[in-house]
Amino acid sequence: MDNPEKYILIIAYRTDEDAAEASLEELGRLIETAGGESVGMFSQKLDHPDPGTYIGSGKATELKEMMEILEADAVVCDDELTPAQHRNLSDILDAKVIDRTMLILDIFASHAQTREGKL
């Protein structure tokens, strides 16, 4: 059996750190359902997600270092990313970046039985 993809789970949260941690734990279970492995969590307290990179460019650089240390293949963001955030974060990390919505759609597609369901 192939080794599962290793993911770091990331979230930008506003006020409730406990709620953010619970959300990341749920995200980790979704990763497992999709056949991946959660190898770390990365959180950033922000009033609102950075419009360019979701977590800010400095934190994105820290995340890249964390990915190298943990030998992670990809990251999954707890929130839905804008196209610009997705592109910029992918460029900084030089890695696969997905968000919660993409992950859930992937899980549904992998479990679909009919051609219509797979679409």
PDB file of N, CA and C in Angstrom:
ATOM      1  N   MET A   1       0.839  -1.192   0.000  1.00  0.00           N
ATOM      2  CA  MET A   1       0.000   0.000   0.000  1.00  0.00           C
ATOM      3  C   MET A   1       0.877   1.246   0.000  1.00  0.00           C
ATOM      4  N   ASP A   2       0.465   2.239  -0.777  1.00  0.00           N
ATOM      5  CA  ASP A   2       1.215   3.488  -0.854  1.00  0.00           C
ATOM      6  C   ASP A   2       1.128   4.252   0.455  1.00  0.00           C
ATOM      7  N   ASN A   3       2.146   5.068   0.700  1.00  0.00           N
ATOM      8  CA  ASN A   3       2.106   5.937   1.883  1.00  0.00           C
ATOM      9  C   ASN A   3       1.082   7.038   1.660  1.00  0.00           C
ATOM     10  N   PRO A   4       0.276   7.342   2.663  1.00  0.00           N
ATOM     11  CA  PRO A   4      -0.716   8.413   2.496  1.00  0.00           C
ATOM     12  C   PRO A   4      -0.030   9.780   2.399  1.00  0.00           C
ATOM     13  N   GLU A   5      -0.705  10.699   1.710  1.00  0.00           N
ATOM     14  CA  GLU A   5      -0.205  12.075   1.663  1.00  0.00           C
ATOM     15  C   GLU A   5      -0.236  12.658   3.064  1.00  0.00           C
ATOM     16  N   LYS A   6       0.803  13.412   3.393  1.00  0.00           N
ATOM     17  CA  LYS A   6       0.898  14.031   4.715  1.00  0.00           C
ATOM     18  C   LYS A   6       0.483  15.496   4.607  1.00  0.00           C
ATOM     19  N   TYR A   7      -0.450  15.882   5.495  1.00  0.00           N
ATOM     20  CA  TYR A   7      -1.010  17.227   5.474  1.00  0.00           C
ATOM     21  C   TYR A   7      -0.744  17.973   6.772  1.00  0.00           C
ATOM     22  N   ILE A   8      -0.551  19.268   6.654  1.00  0.00           N
ATOM     23  CA  ILE A   8      -0.600  20.169   7.800  1.00  0.00           C
ATOM     24  C   ILE A   8      -1.913  20.921   7.699  1.00  0.00           C
ATOM     25  N   LEU A   9      -2.645  20.966   8.789  1.00  0.00           N
ATOM     26  CA  LEU A   9      -3.947  21.619   8.842  1.00  0.00           C
ATOM     27  C   LEU A   9      -3.747  23.049   9.307  1.00  0.00           C
ATOM     28  N   ILE A  10      -4.341  24.014   8.608  1.00  0.00           N
ATOM     29  CA  ILE A  10      -4.150  25.417   8.987  1.00  0.00           C
ATOM     30  C   ILE A  10      -5.485  26.137   9.141  1.00  0.00           C
ATOM     31  N   ILE A  11      -5.478  27.096  10.074  1.00  0.00           N
ATOM     32  CA  ILE A  11      -6.680  27.895  10.317  1.00  0.00           C
ATOM     33  C   ILE A  11      -6.270  29.308  10.728  1.00  0.00           C
ATOM     34  N   ALA A  12      -7.037  30.277  10.250  1.00  0.00           N
ATOM     35  CA  ALA A  12      -6.941  31.658  10.728  1.00  0.00           C
ATOM     36  C   ALA A  12      -8.224  31.895  11.517  1.00  0.00           C
ATOM     37  N   TYR A  13      -8.082  32.143  12.806  1.00  0.00           N
ATOM     38  CA  TYR A  13      -9.262  32.284  13.647  1.00  0.00           C
ATOM     39  C   TYR A  13      -9.317  33.679  14.254  1.00  0.00           C
ATOM     40  N   ARG A  14     -10.519  34.067  14.675  1.00  0.00           N
ATOM     41  CA  ARG A  14     -10.727  35.410  15.190  1.00  0.00           C
ATOM     42  C   ARG A  14     -10.608  35.473  16.715  1.00  0.00           C
ATOM     43  N   THR A  15     -11.405  34.708  17.437  1.00  0.00           N
ATOM     44  CA  THR A  15     -11.435  34.883  18.883  1.00  0.00           C
ATOM     45  C   THR A  15     -11.337  33.595  19.681  1.00  0.00           C
ATOM     46  N   ASP A  16     -12.024  32.559  19.282  1.00  0.00           N
ATOM     47  CA  ASP A  16     -12.149  31.364  20.109  1.00  0.00           C
ATOM     48  C   ASP A  16     -11.131  30.292  19.712  1.00  0.00           C
ATOM     49  N   GLU A  17     -10.035  30.237  20.461  1.00  0.00           N
ATOM     50  CA  GLU A  17      -8.974  29.286  20.157  1.00  0.00           C
ATOM     51  C   GLU A  17      -9.448  27.840  20.320  1.00  0.00           C
ATOM     52  N   ASP A  18     -10.290  27.570  21.311  1.00  0.00           N
ATOM     53  CA  ASP A  18     -10.808  26.216  21.514  1.00  0.00           C
ATOM     54  C   ASP A  18     -11.660  25.761  20.336  1.00  0.00           C
ATOM     55  N   ALA A  19     -12.489  26.657  19.829  1.00  0.00           N
ATOM     56  CA  ALA A  19     -13.322  26.334  18.669  1.00  0.00           C
ATOM     57  C   ALA A  19     -12.448  26.087  17.434  1.00  0.00           C
ATOM     58  N   ALA A  20     -11.382  26.869  17.296  1.00  0.00           N
ATOM     59  CA  ALA A  20     -10.461  26.680  16.171  1.00  0.00           C
ATOM     60  C   ALA A  20      -9.792  25.315  16.252  1.00  0.00           C
ATOM     61  N   GLU A  21      -9.371  24.936  17.451  1.00  0.00           N
ATOM     62  CA  GLU A  21      -8.728  23.634  17.635  1.00  0.00           C
ATOM     63  C   GLU A  21      -9.702  22.499  17.331  1.00  0.00           C
ATOM     64  N   ALA A  22     -10.950  22.630  17.776  1.00  0.00           N
ATOM     65  CA  ALA A  22     -11.964  21.614  17.499  1.00  0.00           C
ATOM     66  C   ALA A  22     -12.221  21.499  15.998  1.00  0.00           C
ATOM     67  N   SER A  23     -12.233  22.632  15.319  1.00  0.00           N
ATOM     68  CA  SER A  23     -12.454  22.631  13.879  1.00  0.00           C
ATOM     69  C   SER A  23     -11.300  21.933  13.157  1.00  0.00           C
ATOM     70  N   LEU A  24     -10.061  22.160  13.622  1.00  0.00           N
ATOM     71  CA  LEU A  24      -8.910  21.492  13.019  1.00  0.00           C
ATOM     72  C   LEU A  24      -8.937  19.991  13.283  1.00  0.00           C
ATOM     73  N   GLU A  25      -9.409  19.588  14.458  1.00  0.00           N
ATOM     74  CA  GLU A  25      -9.524  18.157  14.745  1.00  0.00           C
ATOM     75  C   GLU A  25     -10.521  17.492  13.796  1.00  0.00           C
ATOM     76  N   GLU A  26     -11.641  18.166  13.548  1.00  0.00           N
ATOM     77  CA  GLU A  26     -12.621  17.654  12.592  1.00  0.00           C
ATOM     78  C   GLU A  26     -12.012  17.581  11.196  1.00  0.00           C
ATOM     79  N   LEU A  27     -11.253  18.604  10.823  1.00  0.00           N
ATOM     80  CA  LEU A  27     -10.588  18.631   9.523  1.00  0.00           C
ATOM     81  C   LEU A  27      -9.622  17.453   9.402  1.00  0.00           C
ATOM     82  N   GLY A  28      -8.942  17.126  10.495  1.00  0.00           N
ATOM     83  CA  GLY A  28      -8.037  15.980  10.497  1.00  0.00           C
ATOM     84  C   GLY A  28      -8.778  14.678  10.234  1.00  0.00           C
ATOM     85  N   ARG A  29      -9.973  14.552  10.791  1.00  0.00           N
ATOM     86  CA  ARG A  29     -10.778  13.359  10.533  1.00  0.00           C
ATOM     87  C   ARG A  29     -11.212  13.293   9.066  1.00  0.00           C
ATOM     88  N   LEU A  30     -11.494  14.448   8.479  1.00  0.00           N
ATOM     89  CA  LEU A  30     -11.832  14.483   7.053  1.00  0.00           C
ATOM     90  C   LEU A  30     -10.631  14.043   6.206  1.00  0.00           C
ATOM     91  N   ILE A  31      -9.445  14.477   6.585  1.00  0.00           N
ATOM     92  CA  ILE A  31      -8.224  14.067   5.869  1.00  0.00           C
ATOM     93  C   ILE A  31      -8.083  12.547   5.917  1.00  0.00           C
ATOM     94  N   GLU A  32      -8.304  11.977   7.095  1.00  0.00           N
ATOM     95  CA  GLU A  32      -8.216  10.513   7.237  1.00  0.00           C
ATOM     96  C   GLU A  32      -9.249   9.817   6.353  1.00  0.00           C
ATOM     97  N   THR A  33     -10.458  10.366   6.298  1.00  0.00           N
ATOM     98  CA  THR A  33     -11.506   9.806   5.452  1.00  0.00           C
ATOM     99  C   THR A  33     -11.086   9.823   3.988  1.00  0.00           C
ATOM    100  N   ALA A  34     -10.350  10.857   3.603  1.00  0.00           N
ATOM    101  CA  ALA A  34      -9.890  10.993   2.224  1.00  0.00           C
ATOM    102  C   ALA A  34      -8.647  10.150   1.946  1.00  0.00           C
ATOM    103  N   GLY A  35      -8.110   9.491   2.979  1.00  0.00           N
ATOM    104  CA  GLY A  35      -6.941   8.641   2.783  1.00  0.00           C
ATOM    105  C   GLY A  35      -5.622   9.313   3.077  1.00  0.00           C
ATOM    106  N   GLY A  36      -5.659  10.515   3.638  1.00  0.00           N
ATOM    107  CA  GLY A  36      -4.433  11.224   3.977  1.00  0.00           C
ATOM    108  C   GLY A  36      -4.086  11.078   5.443  1.00  0.00           C
ATOM    109  N   GLU A  37      -3.006  11.728   5.829  1.00  0.00           N
ATOM    110  CA  GLU A  37      -2.537  11.693   7.211  1.00  0.00           C
ATOM    111  C   GLU A  37      -2.250  13.121   7.677  1.00  0.00           C
ATOM    112  N   SER A  38      -2.796  13.474   8.823  1.00  0.00           N
ATOM    113  CA  SER A  38      -2.529  14.774   9.423  1.00  0.00           C
ATOM    114  C   SER A  38      -1.234  14.667  10.229  1.00  0.00           C
ATOM    115  N   VAL A  39      -0.258  15.523   9.904  1.00  0.00           N
ATOM    116  CA  VAL A  39       1.024  15.470  10.615  1.00  0.00           C
ATOM    117  C   VAL A  39       1.288  16.710  11.464  1.00  0.00           C
ATOM    118  N   GLY A  40       0.414  17.710  11.378  1.00  0.00           N
ATOM    119  CA  GLY A  40       0.607  18.910  12.168  1.00  0.00           C
ATOM    120  C   GLY A  40      -0.538  19.885  12.013  1.00  0.00           C
ATOM    121  N   MET A  41      -0.585  20.825  12.954  1.00  0.00           N
ATOM    122  CA  MET A  41      -1.602  21.882  12.926  1.00  0.00           C
ATOM    123  C   MET A  41      -0.904  23.225  13.035  1.00  0.00           C
ATOM    124  N   PHE A  42      -1.449  24.214  12.340  1.00  0.00           N
ATOM    125  CA  PHE A  42      -0.865  25.549  12.306  1.00  0.00           C
ATOM    126  C   PHE A  42      -2.004  26.546  12.403  1.00  0.00           C
ATOM    127  N   SER A  43      -1.995  27.380  13.429  1.00  0.00           N
ATOM    128  CA  SER A  43      -3.067  28.364  13.583  1.00  0.00           C
ATOM    129  C   SER A  43      -2.500  29.764  13.666  1.00  0.00           C
ATOM    130  N   GLN A  44      -3.314  30.712  13.241  1.00  0.00           N
ATOM    131  CA  GLN A  44      -2.927  32.122  13.246  1.00  0.00           C
ATOM    132  C   GLN A  44      -4.140  32.931  13.687  1.00  0.00           C
ATOM    133  N   LYS A  45      -3.994  33.693  14.762  1.00  0.00           N
ATOM    134  CA  LYS A  45      -5.087  34.548  15.214  1.00  0.00           C
ATOM    135  C   LYS A  45      -5.047  35.852  14.428  1.00  0.00           C
ATOM    136  N   LEU A  46      -6.136  36.100  13.717  1.00  0.00           N
ATOM    137  CA  LEU A  46      -6.264  37.296  12.878  1.00  0.00           C
ATOM    138  C   LEU A  46      -7.676  37.837  12.987  1.00  0.00           C
ATOM    139  N   ASP A  47      -7.841  39.160  12.842  1.00  0.00           N
ATOM    140  CA  ASP A  47      -9.182  39.738  12.808  1.00  0.00           C
ATOM    141  C   ASP A  47      -9.946  39.259  11.577  1.00  0.00           C
ATOM    142  N   HIS A  48      -9.210  39.056  10.483  1.00  0.00           N
ATOM    143  CA  HIS A  48      -9.781  38.514   9.249  1.00  0.00           C
ATOM    144  C   HIS A  48      -8.642  37.871   8.463  1.00  0.00           C
ATOM    145  N   PRO A  49      -8.934  36.828   7.705  1.00  0.00           N
ATOM    146  CA  PRO A  49      -7.874  36.182   6.936  1.00  0.00           C
ATOM    147  C   PRO A  49      -7.184  37.165   5.992  1.00  0.00           C
ATOM    148  N   ASP A  50      -5.889  36.991   5.832  1.00  0.00           N
ATOM    149  CA  ASP A  50      -5.117  37.839   4.924  1.00  0.00           C
ATOM    150  C   ASP A  50      -5.652  37.665   3.499  1.00  0.00           C
ATOM    151  N   PRO A  51      -5.972  38.760   2.800  1.00  0.00           N
ATOM    152  CA  PRO A  51      -6.549  38.628   1.466  1.00  0.00           C
ATOM    153  C   PRO A  51      -5.590  38.012   0.443  1.00  0.00           C
ATOM    154  N   GLY A  52      -4.293  38.106   0.701  1.00  0.00           N
ATOM    155  CA  GLY A  52      -3.326  37.582  -0.259  1.00  0.00           C
ATOM    156  C   GLY A  52      -2.903  36.150  -0.005  1.00  0.00           C
ATOM    157  N   THR A  53      -2.743  35.786   1.277  1.00  0.00           N
ATOM    158  CA  THR A  53      -2.188  34.463   1.573  1.00  0.00           C
ATOM    159  C   THR A  53      -2.954  33.699   2.647  1.00  0.00           C
ATOM    160  N   TYR A  54      -4.064  34.216   3.117  1.00  0.00           N
ATOM    161  CA  TYR A  54      -4.900  33.615   4.149  1.00  0.00           C
ATOM    162  C   TYR A  54      -4.293  33.791   5.538  1.00  0.00           C
ATOM    163  N   ILE A  55      -3.000  33.488   5.722  1.00  0.00           N
ATOM    164  CA  ILE A  55      -2.382  33.573   7.052  1.00  0.00           C
ATOM    165  C   ILE A  55      -1.298  34.645   7.149  1.00  0.00           C
ATOM    166  N   GLY A  56      -1.030  35.359   6.104  1.00  0.00           N
ATOM    167  CA  GLY A  56       0.021  36.365   6.096  1.00  0.00           C
ATOM    168  C   GLY A  56       1.307  35.778   5.548  1.00  0.00           C
ATOM    169  N   SER A  57       2.101  36.585   4.872  1.00  0.00           N
ATOM    170  CA  SER A  57       3.299  36.071   4.193  1.00  0.00           C
ATOM    171  C   SER A  57       4.362  35.588   5.171  1.00  0.00           C
ATOM    172  N   GLY A  58       4.507  36.265   6.312  1.00  0.00           N
ATOM    173  CA  GLY A  58       5.478  35.821   7.312  1.00  0.00           C
ATOM    174  C   GLY A  58       5.123  34.462   7.884  1.00  0.00           C
ATOM    175  N   LYS A  59       3.847  34.274   8.205  1.00  0.00           N
ATOM    176  CA  LYS A  59       3.381  32.983   8.724  1.00  0.00           C
ATOM    177  C   LYS A  59       3.449  31.912   7.638  1.00  0.00           C
ATOM    178  N   ALA A  60       3.240  32.301   6.401  1.00  0.00           N
ATOM    179  CA  ALA A  60       3.346  31.336   5.305  1.00  0.00           C
ATOM    180  C   ALA A  60       4.780  30.826   5.199  1.00  0.00           C
ATOM    181  N   THR A  61       5.749  31.700   5.417  1.00  0.00           N
ATOM    182  CA  THR A  61       7.159  31.284   5.408  1.00  0.00           C
ATOM    183  C   THR A  61       7.433  30.321   6.566  1.00  0.00           C
ATOM    184  N   GLU A  62       6.878  30.620   7.755  1.00  0.00           N
ATOM    185  CA  GLU A  62       7.005  29.706   8.892  1.00  0.00           C
ATOM    186  C   GLU A  62       6.371  28.354   8.571  1.00  0.00           C
ATOM    187  N   LEU A  63       5.231  28.384   7.902  1.00  0.00           N
ATOM    188  CA  LEU A  63       4.532  27.159   7.529  1.00  0.00           C
ATOM    189  C   LEU A  63       5.382  26.330   6.569  1.00  0.00           C
ATOM    190  N   LYS A  64       6.057  26.986   5.640  1.00  0.00           N
ATOM    191  CA  LYS A  64       6.935  26.270   4.701  1.00  0.00           C
ATOM    192  C   LYS A  64       8.032  25.533   5.462  1.00  0.00           C
ATOM    193  N   GLU A  65       8.619  26.199   6.463  1.00  0.00           N
ATOM    194  CA  GLU A  65       9.654  25.553   7.279  1.00  0.00           C
ATOM    195  C   GLU A  65       9.074  24.363   8.041  1.00  0.00           C
ATOM    196  N   MET A  66       7.877  24.532   8.576  1.00  0.00           N
ATOM    197  CA  MET A  66       7.212  23.441   9.295  1.00  0.00           C
ATOM    198  C   MET A  66       6.962  22.256   8.368  1.00  0.00           C
ATOM    199  N   MET A  67       6.573  22.545   7.131  1.00  0.00           N
ATOM    200  CA  MET A  67       6.334  21.481   6.151  1.00  0.00           C
ATOM    201  C   MET A  67       7.608  20.682   5.898  1.00  0.00           C
ATOM    202  N   GLU A  68       8.727  21.380   5.799  1.00  0.00           N
ATOM    203  CA  GLU A  68      10.004  20.699   5.553  1.00  0.00           C
ATOM    204  C   GLU A  68      10.382  19.823   6.743  1.00  0.00           C
ATOM    205  N   ILE A  69      10.219  20.344   7.954  1.00  0.00           N
ATOM    206  CA  ILE A  69      10.560  19.589   9.163  1.00  0.00           C
ATOM    207  C   ILE A  69       9.698  18.342   9.287  1.00  0.00           C
ATOM    208  N   LEU A  70       8.393  18.486   9.056  1.00  0.00           N
ATOM    209  CA  LEU A  70       7.455  17.374   9.214  1.00  0.00           C
ATOM    210  C   LEU A  70       7.315  16.515   7.955  1.00  0.00           C
ATOM    211  N   GLU A  71       8.044  16.900   6.897  1.00  0.00           N
ATOM    212  CA  GLU A  71       7.991  16.191   5.620  1.00  0.00           C
ATOM    213  C   GLU A  71       6.564  16.077   5.094  1.00  0.00           C
ATOM    214  N   ALA A  72       5.836  17.188   5.211  1.00  0.00           N
ATOM    215  CA  ALA A  72       4.448  17.242   4.741  1.00  0.00           C
ATOM    216  C   ALA A  72       4.410  17.441   3.228  1.00  0.00           C
ATOM    217  N   ASP A  73       3.411  16.838   2.612  1.00  0.00           N
ATOM    218  CA  ASP A  73       3.234  16.956   1.164  1.00  0.00           C
ATOM    219  C   ASP A  73       2.358  18.133   0.778  1.00  0.00           C
ATOM    220  N   ALA A  74       1.455  18.512   1.691  1.00  0.00           N
ATOM    221  CA  ALA A  74       0.442  19.496   1.345  1.00  0.00           C
ATOM    222  C   ALA A  74      -0.128  20.138   2.602  1.00  0.00           C
ATOM    223  N   VAL A  75      -0.941  21.175   2.388  1.00  0.00           N
ATOM    224  CA  VAL A  75      -1.667  21.795   3.490  1.00  0.00           C
ATOM    225  C   VAL A  75      -3.142  21.838   3.122  1.00  0.00           C
ATOM    226  N   VAL A  76      -3.967  21.834   4.161  1.00  0.00           N
ATOM    227  CA  VAL A  76      -5.403  22.008   3.957  1.00  0.00           C
ATOM    228  C   VAL A  76      -5.862  23.120   4.889  1.00  0.00           C
ATOM    229  N   CYS A  77      -6.524  24.114   4.314  1.00  0.00           N
ATOM    230  CA  CYS A  77      -7.018  25.266   5.065  1.00  0.00           C
ATOM    231  C   CYS A  77      -8.437  24.984   5.539  1.00  0.00           C
ATOM    232  N   ASP A  78      -8.714  25.376   6.759  1.00  0.00           N
ATOM    233  CA  ASP A  78     -10.035  25.131   7.336  1.00  0.00           C
ATOM    234  C   ASP A  78     -11.114  25.948   6.634  1.00  0.00           C
ATOM    235  N   ASP A  79     -10.781  27.107   6.138  1.00  0.00           N
ATOM    236  CA  ASP A  79     -11.753  27.982   5.466  1.00  0.00           C
ATOM    237  C   ASP A  79     -11.608  27.856   3.956  1.00  0.00           C
ATOM    238  N   GLU A  80     -12.634  28.322   3.264  1.00  0.00           N
ATOM    239  CA  GLU A  80     -12.582  28.359   1.811  1.00  0.00           C
ATOM    240  C   GLU A  80     -11.622  29.468   1.380  1.00  0.00           C
ATOM    241  N   LEU A  81     -10.724  29.145   0.460  1.00  0.00           N
ATOM    242  CA  LEU A  81      -9.744  30.108  -0.026  1.00  0.00           C
ATOM    243  C   LEU A  81     -10.243  30.800  -1.283  1.00  0.00           C
ATOM    244  N   THR A  82      -9.847  32.056  -1.445  1.00  0.00           N
ATOM    245  CA  THR A  82     -10.097  32.741  -2.702  1.00  0.00           C
ATOM    246  C   THR A  82      -9.073  32.221  -3.718  1.00  0.00           C
ATOM    247  N   PRO A  83      -9.331  32.415  -5.009  1.00  0.00           N
ATOM    248  CA  PRO A  83      -8.335  31.987  -6.005  1.00  0.00           C
ATOM    249  C   PRO A  83      -6.958  32.632  -5.763  1.00  0.00           C
ATOM    250  N   ALA A  84      -6.931  33.891  -5.378  1.00  0.00           N
ATOM    251  CA  ALA A  84      -5.646  34.565  -5.121  1.00  0.00           C
ATOM    252  C   ALA A  84      -4.930  33.960  -3.917  1.00  0.00           C
ATOM    253  N   GLN A  85      -5.664  33.705  -2.839  1.00  0.00           N
ATOM    254  CA  GLN A  85      -5.059  33.088  -1.664  1.00  0.00           C
ATOM    255  C   GLN A  85      -4.496  31.712  -2.014  1.00  0.00           C
ATOM    256  N   HIS A  86      -5.267  30.941  -2.763  1.00  0.00           N
ATOM    257  CA  HIS A  86      -4.827  29.604  -3.149  1.00  0.00           C
ATOM    258  C   HIS A  86      -3.539  29.671  -3.965  1.00  0.00           C
ATOM    259  N   ARG A  87      -3.523  30.519  -4.976  1.00  0.00           N
ATOM    260  CA  ARG A  87      -2.359  30.652  -5.857  1.00  0.00           C
ATOM    261  C   ARG A  87      -1.138  31.145  -5.085  1.00  0.00           C
ATOM    262  N   ASN A  88      -1.310  32.208  -4.285  1.00  0.00           N
ATOM    263  CA  ASN A  88      -0.183  32.785  -3.559  1.00  0.00           C
ATOM    264  C   ASN A  88       0.384  31.821  -2.523  1.00  0.00           C
ATOM    265  N   LEU A  89      -0.481  31.148  -1.795  1.00  0.00           N
ATOM    266  CA  LEU A  89      -0.019  30.197  -0.788  1.00  0.00           C
ATOM    267  C   LEU A  89       0.683  29.015  -1.460  1.00  0.00           C
ATOM    268  N   SER A  90       0.132  28.539  -2.572  1.00  0.00           N
ATOM    269  CA  SER A  90       0.777  27.453  -3.320  1.00  0.00           C
ATOM    270  C   SER A  90       2.163  27.868  -3.792  1.00  0.00           C
ATOM    271  N   ASP A  91       2.286  29.106  -4.270  1.00  0.00           N
ATOM    272  CA  ASP A  91       3.582  29.602  -4.750  1.00  0.00           C
ATOM    273  C   ASP A  91       4.597  29.700  -3.613  1.00  0.00           C
ATOM    274  N   ILE A  92       4.179  30.229  -2.465  1.00  0.00           N
ATOM    275  CA  ILE A  92       5.096  30.385  -1.330  1.00  0.00           C
ATOM    276  C   ILE A  92       5.533  29.019  -0.805  1.00  0.00           C
ATOM    277  N   LEU A  93       4.580  28.115  -0.668  1.00  0.00           N
ATOM    278  CA  LEU A  93       4.873  26.809  -0.083  1.00  0.00           C
ATOM    279  C   LEU A  93       5.482  25.834  -1.082  1.00  0.00           C
ATOM    280  N   ASP A  94       5.292  26.105  -2.355  1.00  0.00           N
ATOM    281  CA  ASP A  94       5.714  25.193  -3.412  1.00  0.00           C
ATOM    282  C   ASP A  94       5.160  23.796  -3.126  1.00  0.00           C
ATOM    283  N   ALA A  95       3.876  23.767  -2.802  1.00  0.00           N
ATOM    284  CA  ALA A  95       3.217  22.518  -2.419  1.00  0.00           C
ATOM    285  C   ALA A  95       1.735  22.602  -2.748  1.00  0.00           C
ATOM    286  N   LYS A  96       1.091  21.461  -2.673  1.00  0.00           N
ATOM    287  CA  LYS A  96      -0.347  21.368  -2.882  1.00  0.00           C
ATOM    288  C   LYS A  96      -1.072  22.062  -1.732  1.00  0.00           C
ATOM    289  N   VAL A  97      -2.060  22.882  -2.078  1.00  0.00           N
ATOM    290  CA  VAL A  97      -2.889  23.582  -1.100  1.00  0.00           C
ATOM    291  C   VAL A  97      -4.344  23.307  -1.447  1.00  0.00           C
ATOM    292  N   ILE A  98      -5.105  22.839  -0.457  1.00  0.00           N
ATOM    293  CA  ILE A  98      -6.532  22.653  -0.660  1.00  0.00           C
ATOM    294  C   ILE A  98      -7.267  23.301   0.506  1.00  0.00           C
ATOM    295  N   ASP A  99      -8.558  23.491   0.333  1.00  0.00           N
ATOM    296  CA  ASP A  99      -9.356  24.023   1.439  1.00  0.00           C
ATOM    297  C   ASP A  99     -10.417  22.993   1.815  1.00  0.00           C
ATOM    298  N   ARG A 100     -11.136  23.290   2.873  1.00  0.00           N
ATOM    299  CA  ARG A 100     -12.132  22.347   3.405  1.00  0.00           C
ATOM    300  C   ARG A 100     -13.142  21.943   2.328  1.00  0.00           C
ATOM    301  N   THR A 101     -13.608  22.903   1.537  1.00  0.00           N
ATOM    302  CA  THR A 101     -14.602  22.613   0.506  1.00  0.00           C
ATOM    303  C   THR A 101     -14.041  21.645  -0.528  1.00  0.00           C
ATOM    304  N   MET A 102     -12.817  21.877  -0.986  1.00  0.00           N
ATOM    305  CA  MET A 102     -12.190  20.978  -1.958  1.00  0.00           C
ATOM    306  C   MET A 102     -12.057  19.571  -1.387  1.00  0.00           C
ATOM    307  N   LEU A 103     -11.675  19.493  -0.120  1.00  0.00           N
ATOM    308  CA  LEU A 103     -11.510  18.204   0.546  1.00  0.00           C
ATOM    309  C   LEU A 103     -12.830  17.440   0.600  1.00  0.00           C
ATOM    310  N   ILE A 104     -13.890  18.114   0.993  1.00  0.00           N
ATOM    311  CA  ILE A 104     -15.199  17.468   1.092  1.00  0.00           C
ATOM    312  C   ILE A 104     -15.675  17.001  -0.286  1.00  0.00           C
ATOM    313  N   LEU A 105     -15.482  17.834  -1.304  1.00  0.00           N
ATOM    314  CA  LEU A 105     -15.862  17.431  -2.659  1.00  0.00           C
ATOM    315  C   LEU A 105     -15.065  16.218  -3.122  1.00  0.00           C
ATOM    316  N   ASP A 106     -13.783  16.169  -2.760  1.00  0.00           N
ATOM    317  CA  ASP A 106     -12.934  15.034  -3.106  1.00  0.00           C
ATOM    318  C   ASP A 106     -13.437  13.757  -2.428  1.00  0.00           C
ATOM    319  N   ILE A 107     -13.833  13.868  -1.162  1.00  0.00           N
ATOM    320  CA  ILE A 107     -14.360  12.708  -0.439  1.00  0.00           C
ATOM    321  C   ILE A 107     -15.638  12.204  -1.104  1.00  0.00           C
ATOM    322  N   PHE A 108     -16.539  13.122  -1.433  1.00  0.00           N
ATOM    323  CA  PHE A 108     -17.777  12.718  -2.106  1.00  0.00           C
ATOM    324  C   PHE A 108     -17.479  12.043  -3.445  1.00  0.00           C
ATOM    325  N   ALA A 109     -16.577  12.617  -4.221  1.00  0.00           N
ATOM    326  CA  ALA A 109     -16.244  12.052  -5.534  1.00  0.00           C
ATOM    327  C   ALA A 109     -15.620  10.668  -5.399  1.00  0.00           C
ATOM    328  N   SER A 110     -14.773  10.478  -4.404  1.00  0.00           N
ATOM    329  CA  SER A 110     -14.112   9.176  -4.255  1.00  0.00           C
ATOM    330  C   SER A 110     -15.072   8.091  -3.787  1.00  0.00           C
ATOM    331  N   HIS A 111     -16.179   8.486  -3.150  1.00  0.00           N
ATOM    332  CA  HIS A 111     -17.162   7.513  -2.687  1.00  0.00           C
ATOM    333  C   HIS A 111     -18.356   7.379  -3.626  1.00  0.00           C
ATOM    334  N   ALA A 112     -18.387   8.176  -4.680  1.00  0.00           N
ATOM    335  CA  ALA A 112     -19.514   8.138  -5.616  1.00  0.00           C
ATOM    336  C   ALA A 112     -19.512   6.834  -6.400  1.00  0.00           C
ATOM    337  N   GLN A 113     -20.682   6.318  -6.663  1.00  0.00           N
ATOM    338  CA  GLN A 113     -20.826   5.057  -7.389  1.00  0.00           C
ATOM    339  C   GLN A 113     -21.258   5.275  -8.842  1.00  0.00           C
ATOM    340  N   THR A 114     -22.061   6.298  -9.092  1.00  0.00           N
ATOM    341  CA  THR A 114     -22.557   6.524 -10.440  1.00  0.00           C
ATOM    342  C   THR A 114     -21.700   7.541 -11.164  1.00  0.00           C
ATOM    343  N   ARG A 115     -21.817   7.543 -12.480  1.00  0.00           N
ATOM    344  CA  ARG A 115     -21.059   8.505 -13.290  1.00  0.00           C
ATOM    345  C   ARG A 115     -21.474   9.936 -12.934  1.00  0.00           C
ATOM    346  N   GLU A 116     -22.782  10.145 -12.732  1.00  0.00           N
ATOM    347  CA  GLU A 116     -23.280  11.469 -12.378  1.00  0.00           C
ATOM    348  C   GLU A 116     -22.740  11.902 -11.021  1.00  0.00           C
ATOM    349  N   GLY A 117     -22.687  10.984 -10.073  1.00  0.00           N
ATOM    350  CA  GLY A 117     -22.169  11.293  -8.760  1.00  0.00           C
ATOM    351  C   GLY A 117     -20.697  11.667  -8.789  1.00  0.00           C
ATOM    352  N   LYS A 118     -19.947  11.000  -9.651  1.00  0.00           N
ATOM    353  CA  LYS A 118     -18.513  11.288  -9.763  1.00  0.00           C
ATOM    354  C   LYS A 118     -18.262  12.653 -10.371  1.00  0.00           C
ATOM    355  N   LEU A 119     -19.175  13.085 -11.249  1.00  0.00           N
ATOM    356  CA  LEU A 119     -19.038  14.425 -11.833  1.00  0.00           C
ATOM    357  C   LEU A 119     -19.298  15.464 -10.785  1.00  0.00           C
TER     358      LEU A 119
END
